[in-house]
Protein backbone atom coordinates (compact mmCIF):
# COMPACT_ATOMS: atom_id res chain seq x y z
CA MET A 1 -0.03 -0.19 -0.11
CA ILE A 2 1.08 3.41 -0.87
CA THR A 3 0.79 6.17 2.28
CA PHE A 4 -0.16 9.86 1.55
CA ILE A 5 3.28 10.83 2.08
CA LYS A 6 4.47 8.40 -0.61
CA GLN A 7 1.86 9.44 -2.92
CA SER A 8 2.69 12.84 -2.78
CA GLN A 9 6.21 12.01 -3.49
CA LEU A 10 5.19 10.06 -6.36
CA PHE A 11 3.13 13.51 -7.78
CA ILE A 12 6.32 15.61 -7.26
CA THR A 13 8.82 13.08 -8.92
CA SER A 14 6.28 12.66 -12.03
CA LEU A 15 6.44 16.57 -12.43
CA TYR A 16 10.34 16.28 -12.17
CA ASP A 17 10.25 13.79 -14.89
CA ILE A 18 8.38 15.74 -17.08
CA PHE A 19 11.09 18.47 -17.38
CA LYS A 20 14.16 15.86 -16.89
CA ASN A 21 12.88 13.51 -20.07
CA ARG A 22 11.83 16.34 -22.52
CA THR A 23 12.10 13.97 -25.41
CA VAL A 24 9.60 10.97 -24.23
CA SER A 25 7.46 14.11 -22.65
CA ASN A 26 7.02 15.44 -26.06
CA SER A 27 6.45 12.22 -27.55
CA VAL A 28 3.92 11.30 -25.26
CA PHE A 29 2.19 14.86 -25.94
CA ASP A 30 2.47 14.44 -29.68
CA ASN A 31 0.86 10.80 -29.50
CA CYS A 32 -2.19 12.02 -27.25
CA LYS A 33 -2.86 14.40 -29.97
CA PHE A 34 -2.56 12.02 -32.29
CA ILE A 35 -4.87 9.88 -30.89
CA CYS A 36 -7.31 12.96 -30.61
CA PHE A 37 -6.92 14.43 -27.13
CA SER A 38 -7.28 18.05 -26.95
CA ARG A 39 -4.27 19.89 -26.06
CA LYS A 40 -5.26 20.56 -22.44
CA LYS A 41 -5.75 16.69 -22.17
CA SER A 42 -2.50 15.74 -23.94
CA ILE A 43 -0.62 18.00 -21.39
CA ALA A 44 -2.43 16.06 -18.20
CA LYS A 45 -1.88 12.94 -20.25
CA VAL A 46 1.80 13.32 -20.12
CA PHE A 47 2.02 14.01 -16.32
CA GLN A 48 -0.22 10.83 -15.86
CA TYR A 49 2.23 8.91 -18.01
CA PHE A 50 5.07 9.58 -15.59
CA LEU A 51 2.78 8.91 -12.61
CA SER A 52 1.77 5.71 -13.69
CA LYS A 53 5.30 4.61 -14.26
CA ARG A 54 6.56 5.87 -11.37
CA THR A 55 3.68 4.38 -9.31
CA THR A 56 4.25 0.74 -10.91
CA GLN A 57 7.85 1.27 -10.28
CA ALA A 58 7.25 1.90 -6.42
CA LEU A 59 4.63 -0.81 -6.16
CA TYR A 60 7.40 -3.63 -7.81
CA ARG A 61 10.18 -2.38 -5.21
CA SER A 62 7.97 -2.66 -2.32
CA ILE A 63 6.96 -6.36 -3.60
CA LEU A 64 10.75 -7.18 -4.32
CA LYS A 65 11.53 -5.86 -0.75
CA GLY A 66 8.78 -8.06 1.03
CA SER A 67 6.82 -4.87 2.38
CA TYR A 68 3.55 -6.14 1.72
CA ASP A 69 1.66 -8.79 2.98
CA LEU A 70 1.03 -9.83 -0.60
CA GLU A 71 -1.96 -12.17 -0.10
CA GLN A 72 -3.86 -9.36 1.92
CA TYR A 73 -2.67 -6.76 -0.47
CA LEU A 74 -4.20 -8.51 -3.58
CA ASP A 75 -7.23 -9.17 -1.54
CA ARG A 76 -8.09 -5.42 -0.48
CA HIS A 77 -6.07 -3.29 -2.87
CA VAL A 78 -6.24 -5.37 -6.29
CA SER A 79 -9.66 -5.81 -7.93
CA PHE A 80 -11.45 -6.70 -11.46
CA SER A 81 -13.58 -4.33 -12.96
CA ASN A 82 -16.13 -6.64 -14.23
CA GLU A 83 -16.90 -9.48 -11.46
CA GLU A 84 -19.11 -11.28 -13.84
CA TYR A 85 -16.49 -11.73 -16.46
CA TRP A 86 -14.34 -12.75 -13.83
CA LYS A 87 -16.51 -15.26 -12.27
CA ALA A 88 -17.15 -16.82 -16.01
CA CYS A 89 -12.88 -17.51 -16.11
CA LYS A 90 -13.01 -18.74 -12.89
CA ALA A 91 -15.86 -21.39 -13.77
CA HIS A 92 -14.74 -22.18 -17.46
CA SER A 93 -12.78 -25.91 -17.20
CA GLY A 94 -10.89 -25.39 -20.37
CA PRO A 95 -7.68 -23.71 -21.19
CA ILE A 96 -7.65 -19.90 -20.84
CA ILE A 97 -5.32 -17.19 -22.45
CA PHE A 98 -5.25 -14.03 -20.93
CA VAL A 99 -4.14 -11.36 -23.04
CA THR A 100 -2.21 -8.65 -21.00
CA PRO A 101 -0.19 -6.15 -22.82
CA HIS A 102 2.53 -3.81 -21.24
CA TYR A 103 -0.27 -1.89 -19.50
CA GLY A 104 0.29 -0.63 -16.21
CA PRO A 105 1.67 -2.96 -13.31
CA PHE A 106 0.62 -5.88 -15.58
CA ALA A 107 2.84 -8.30 -12.97
CA ILE A 108 0.62 -7.54 -10.56
CA GLY A 109 -2.39 -8.48 -12.46
CA CYS A 110 -0.76 -11.59 -13.24
CA MET A 111 0.19 -12.22 -9.60
CA LYS A 112 -3.75 -11.71 -8.98
CA ILE A 113 -4.92 -14.11 -11.43
CA CYS A 114 -2.47 -16.62 -10.10
CA LYS A 115 -3.90 -16.17 -6.49
CA GLU A 116 -7.59 -16.27 -7.59
CA LEU A 117 -7.13 -19.52 -9.90
CA ASN A 118 -4.82 -21.28 -7.33
CA GLY A 119 -6.39 -24.80 -6.95
CA LEU A 120 -8.23 -24.33 -10.48
CA LYS A 121 -5.65 -23.71 -12.99
CA LYS A 122 -2.12 -23.35 -12.92
CA VAL A 123 -1.09 -19.89 -14.46
CA HIS A 124 2.12 -19.62 -16.81
CA ALA A 125 3.40 -16.29 -18.06
CA PHE A 126 4.90 -16.25 -21.52
CA TYR A 127 7.37 -13.66 -22.22
CA ASP A 128 10.80 -12.82 -24.04
CA PRO A 129 13.97 -14.78 -21.94
CA PRO A 130 15.91 -12.13 -19.85
CA GLU A 131 19.01 -12.78 -22.37
CA LYS A 132 17.05 -11.44 -25.14
CA ASN A 133 15.04 -8.84 -23.55
CA SER A 134 16.68 -7.29 -20.41
CA SER A 135 13.46 -6.05 -19.16
CA THR A 136 12.06 -8.94 -18.30
CA LYS A 137 14.64 -9.95 -15.74
CA SER A 138 12.80 -9.08 -12.89
CA TYR A 139 9.20 -10.83 -14.02
CA LYS A 140 9.92 -13.93 -12.54
CA ALA A 141 10.94 -12.20 -9.28
CA ILE A 142 7.89 -10.12 -8.92
CA ILE A 143 5.05 -12.61 -10.37
CA GLY A 144 7.03 -15.31 -8.26
CA ALA A 145 6.93 -13.68 -4.92
CA LEU A 146 3.47 -14.97 -4.31
CA GLY A 147 5.26 -18.18 -4.00
CA TYR A 148 2.45 -20.60 -5.68
CA ASN A 149 0.75 -21.42 -8.94
CA PHE A 150 2.85 -19.66 -11.24
CA SER A 151 5.48 -20.74 -13.99
CA PRO A 152 7.14 -18.72 -16.56
CA ILE A 153 7.71 -19.80 -20.20
CA PHE A 154 10.22 -18.16 -22.41
CA ASN A 155 9.13 -16.96 -25.80
CA ASN A 156 11.14 -19.53 -27.89
CA ASN A 157 10.73 -22.87 -30.27
CA ARG A 158 10.62 -24.65 -26.94
CA GLY A 159 8.17 -22.13 -25.37
CA VAL A 160 5.70 -22.31 -27.89
CA ILE A 161 5.73 -26.21 -27.55
CA LYS A 162 5.32 -25.96 -23.48
CA ALA A 163 2.74 -23.30 -23.98
CA LEU A 164 0.49 -25.19 -26.07
CA ARG A 165 0.92 -28.48 -23.72
CA ALA A 166 0.21 -26.30 -20.54
CA LEU A 167 -3.25 -25.22 -22.55
CA LYS A 168 -4.07 -28.85 -23.72
CA GLN A 169 -4.01 -29.41 -20.06
CA ASN A 170 -6.53 -26.89 -19.44
CA GLN A 171 -4.38 -24.44 -17.60
CA ALA A 172 -4.09 -20.56 -17.86
CA LEU A 173 -1.43 -18.54 -19.94
CA THR A 174 -0.62 -15.03 -19.73
CA MET A 175 0.46 -13.41 -22.99
CA MET A 176 1.70 -9.89 -23.91
CA PRO A 177 1.00 -9.17 -27.65
CA ASP A 178 2.34 -5.78 -27.94
CA VAL A 179 5.91 -6.27 -28.26
CA PHE A 180 7.26 -4.74 -31.37
CA GLU A 181 9.24 -6.81 -33.31
CA ILE A 182 9.26 -8.23 -36.86
CA ASN A 183 10.18 -11.79 -37.11
CA GLY A 184 8.39 -14.73 -38.53
CA GLN A 185 5.76 -14.24 -35.81
CA THR A 186 4.49 -10.93 -36.85
CA ILE A 187 1.99 -9.61 -39.51
CA TYR A 188 0.96 -6.20 -40.28
CA VAL A 189 -2.46 -5.26 -38.96
CA PRO A 190 -4.76 -1.87 -38.83
CA PHE A 191 -3.86 0.39 -35.91
CA PHE A 192 -5.02 4.02 -35.63
CA SER A 193 -5.73 3.93 -39.30
CA HIS A 194 -2.39 2.88 -40.30
CA LEU A 195 -0.59 -0.60 -40.48
CA SER A 196 1.53 -1.83 -37.45
CA CYS A 197 3.29 -4.98 -36.50
CA ALA A 198 1.58 -7.11 -34.12
CA MET A 199 2.78 -10.47 -32.87
CA THR A 200 0.45 -13.63 -33.67
CA GLY A 201 1.41 -15.87 -31.02
CA THR A 202 -1.68 -15.39 -29.15
CA ALA A 203 -3.93 -16.32 -32.35
CA TYR A 204 -2.00 -19.22 -33.12
CA LEU A 205 -2.29 -20.61 -29.47
CA ALA A 206 -5.69 -20.06 -29.10
CA ARG A 207 -6.66 -21.83 -32.74
CA LYS A 208 -4.48 -24.74 -31.47
CA SER A 209 -6.15 -25.25 -28.23
CA SER A 210 -9.78 -23.71 -28.42
CA ALA A 211 -8.72 -21.79 -25.30
CA LEU A 212 -10.81 -18.93 -23.77
CA ILE A 213 -9.25 -15.58 -24.97
CA VAL A 214 -9.69 -12.85 -22.20
CA HIS A 215 -7.99 -9.47 -22.84
CA ALA A 216 -7.20 -7.60 -19.47
CA TYR A 217 -5.72 -4.73 -18.76
CA VAL A 218 -3.87 -3.46 -15.36
CA LYS A 219 -4.25 0.22 -14.23
CA ASN A 220 -2.79 1.99 -11.42
CA SER A 221 -5.23 3.95 -8.91
CA THR A 222 -4.12 6.40 -5.88
CA PHE A 223 -2.53 4.79 -2.95
CA GLY A 224 -1.23 1.67 -4.17
CA ARG A 225 -4.83 0.70 -5.39
CA VAL A 226 -4.99 -1.56 -9.01
CA VAL A 227 -7.96 -2.19 -11.23
CA ILE A 228 -7.82 -5.25 -13.65
CA ASP A 229 -10.08 -4.28 -16.81
CA ILE A 230 -11.69 -7.27 -17.75
CA GLU A 231 -13.28 -7.52 -21.20
CA LYS A 232 -15.72 -10.26 -22.21
CA PRO A 233 -14.30 -13.55 -22.62
CA PHE A 234 -14.57 -15.16 -26.09
CA LYS A 235 -13.26 -17.67 -28.11
CA LEU A 236 -11.78 -17.62 -31.80
CA ASN A 237 -14.19 -18.72 -34.09
CA ALA A 238 -11.73 -21.10 -36.24
CA SER A 239 -12.06 -21.68 -39.91
CA GLU A 240 -10.52 -24.15 -42.33
CA ASN A 241 -7.87 -21.24 -43.33
CA PRO A 242 -5.36 -21.00 -40.44
CA GLU A 243 -3.90 -17.75 -41.89
CA HIS A 244 -7.14 -15.83 -41.86
CA ASP A 245 -7.88 -16.99 -38.22
CA LEU A 246 -4.37 -15.43 -37.45
CA TYR A 247 -5.10 -12.47 -39.00
CA VAL A 248 -8.58 -11.90 -37.83
CA GLN A 249 -7.78 -12.72 -33.84
CA THR A 250 -4.47 -10.54 -33.98
CA CYS A 251 -6.52 -7.65 -35.61
CA HIS A 252 -8.98 -8.20 -32.79
CA SER A 253 -6.31 -7.91 -30.03
CA MET A 254 -4.82 -4.88 -31.58
CA ASN A 255 -8.39 -3.32 -31.85
CA SER A 256 -8.84 -4.03 -28.26
CA LEU A 257 -5.60 -2.14 -27.53
CA GLU A 258 -6.73 0.96 -29.59
CA GLU A 259 -9.85 1.31 -28.09
CA LYS A 260 -8.18 1.00 -24.58
CA LEU A 261 -5.70 3.86 -25.55
CA LYS A 262 -8.41 6.00 -27.20
CA LYS A 263 -9.64 6.25 -23.30
CA SER A 264 -6.47 5.67 -21.14
CA PRO A 265 -3.43 5.96 -23.07
CA GLU A 266 -1.03 7.00 -20.24
CA HIS A 267 -1.02 3.57 -18.65
CA TRP A 268 0.66 2.08 -21.79
CA ILE A 269 4.45 1.79 -21.31
CA TYR A 270 5.24 2.22 -25.21
CA LEU A 271 2.91 5.08 -25.48
CA PRO A 272 6.11 7.35 -26.48
CA ASP A 273 6.77 5.08 -29.46
CA LEU A 274 3.00 4.79 -30.77
CA SER A 275 3.65 7.00 -33.74
CA SER A 276 7.00 5.01 -34.67
CA ARG A 277 5.14 1.97 -34.83
CA LEU A 278 2.88 2.87 -37.61
CA THR A 279 3.36 3.21 -41.49
CA THR A 280 3.84 6.46 -42.99
CA LYS A 281 0.55 6.02 -45.23
CA LYS A 282 -2.68 6.14 -43.76
CA LEU A 283 -5.47 3.60 -44.92
CA GLU A 284 -8.32 5.55 -46.11
CA THR A 285 -11.07 2.74 -46.61
CA SER A 286 -11.98 -0.31 -45.22
CA LYS A 287 -11.94 -1.71 -48.87
CA GLU A 288 -8.10 -0.52 -49.10
CA VAL A 289 -7.39 -2.53 -45.77
CA GLU A 290 -8.86 -5.77 -46.81
CA GLN A 291 -6.97 -5.70 -49.77
CA LEU A 292 -3.79 -5.36 -48.34
CA MET A 293 -4.33 -7.50 -45.87
CA ASP A 294 -5.42 -10.33 -48.56
CA SER A 295 -2.08 -9.82 -50.34
CA LEU A 296 -0.04 -10.06 -46.72
CA ILE A 297 -1.80 -13.39 -46.00
CA THR A 298 -1.13 -14.58 -49.41
CA SER A 299 2.37 -13.92 -49.05
CA LEU A 300 2.81 -15.35 -45.46
CA ASN A 301 2.61 -19.20 -44.60
CA LEU A 302 2.07 -18.00 -40.75
CA SER A 303 1.36 -21.32 -39.61
CA LYS A 304 4.21 -22.93 -40.85
CA GLU A 305 6.19 -20.34 -39.19
CA LEU A 306 5.05 -20.85 -35.82
């Protein structure tokens, strides 16, 4: 829990961050304007972006130091925005994929899921190995601090097999599809009326396992409170065309993220990089999008890549 004094310190340091990191501040401001926030609201979003980042860091440090009774903290200060959707997740007997982008203190959201599903499903977190992405080095220590019902799976060829095996055993998997990396697992999909790279791993695993898909966004609030926005769970309607299915589900995930950013972009870690993730040309019509996607799907044999 964050005290009143600590919360005040976070406000002050966040204001300092705005002026210390002018390049990032300008990028956040420009991208908020691009999303269609007014100038006044974009300025506020810059402050909120740094405050969310500082708050997340403070919560993670406290967890690593053992400052909290984690079970008590998760029970009292971490909640779901839609209890009906969460109850449906807990009642589901089959595999579940939680789509949790780099949005707010997502590791705390994963920890809450681990606790709530303990005794029902084992939870696996799917992310890049530390040697590939240094920012993931602390994930195991933070999420694993709870001490039970958590297992990391690294994003590599062996990891894909492990993840699929876990889903076949009706377990749960958390994935972060907003990593920007061009490789055999990425395709271009519409994002803010442009094209952007997106990972197809979630769609691939969901199709192979018939898993329930749940988009979840973890937001900071004041005094250490955390809210997990759960969207309505659904299943991928598999067709006889695997490439089409991967494209449709990946588009769905990116559209979910886009809608969330249109409301609350400040919690997204990659907000300063939004414009750099988009192609230069703007997509003007739905027909143009469809034609571009058809050509991309035809040129990529995604099922074999994965």
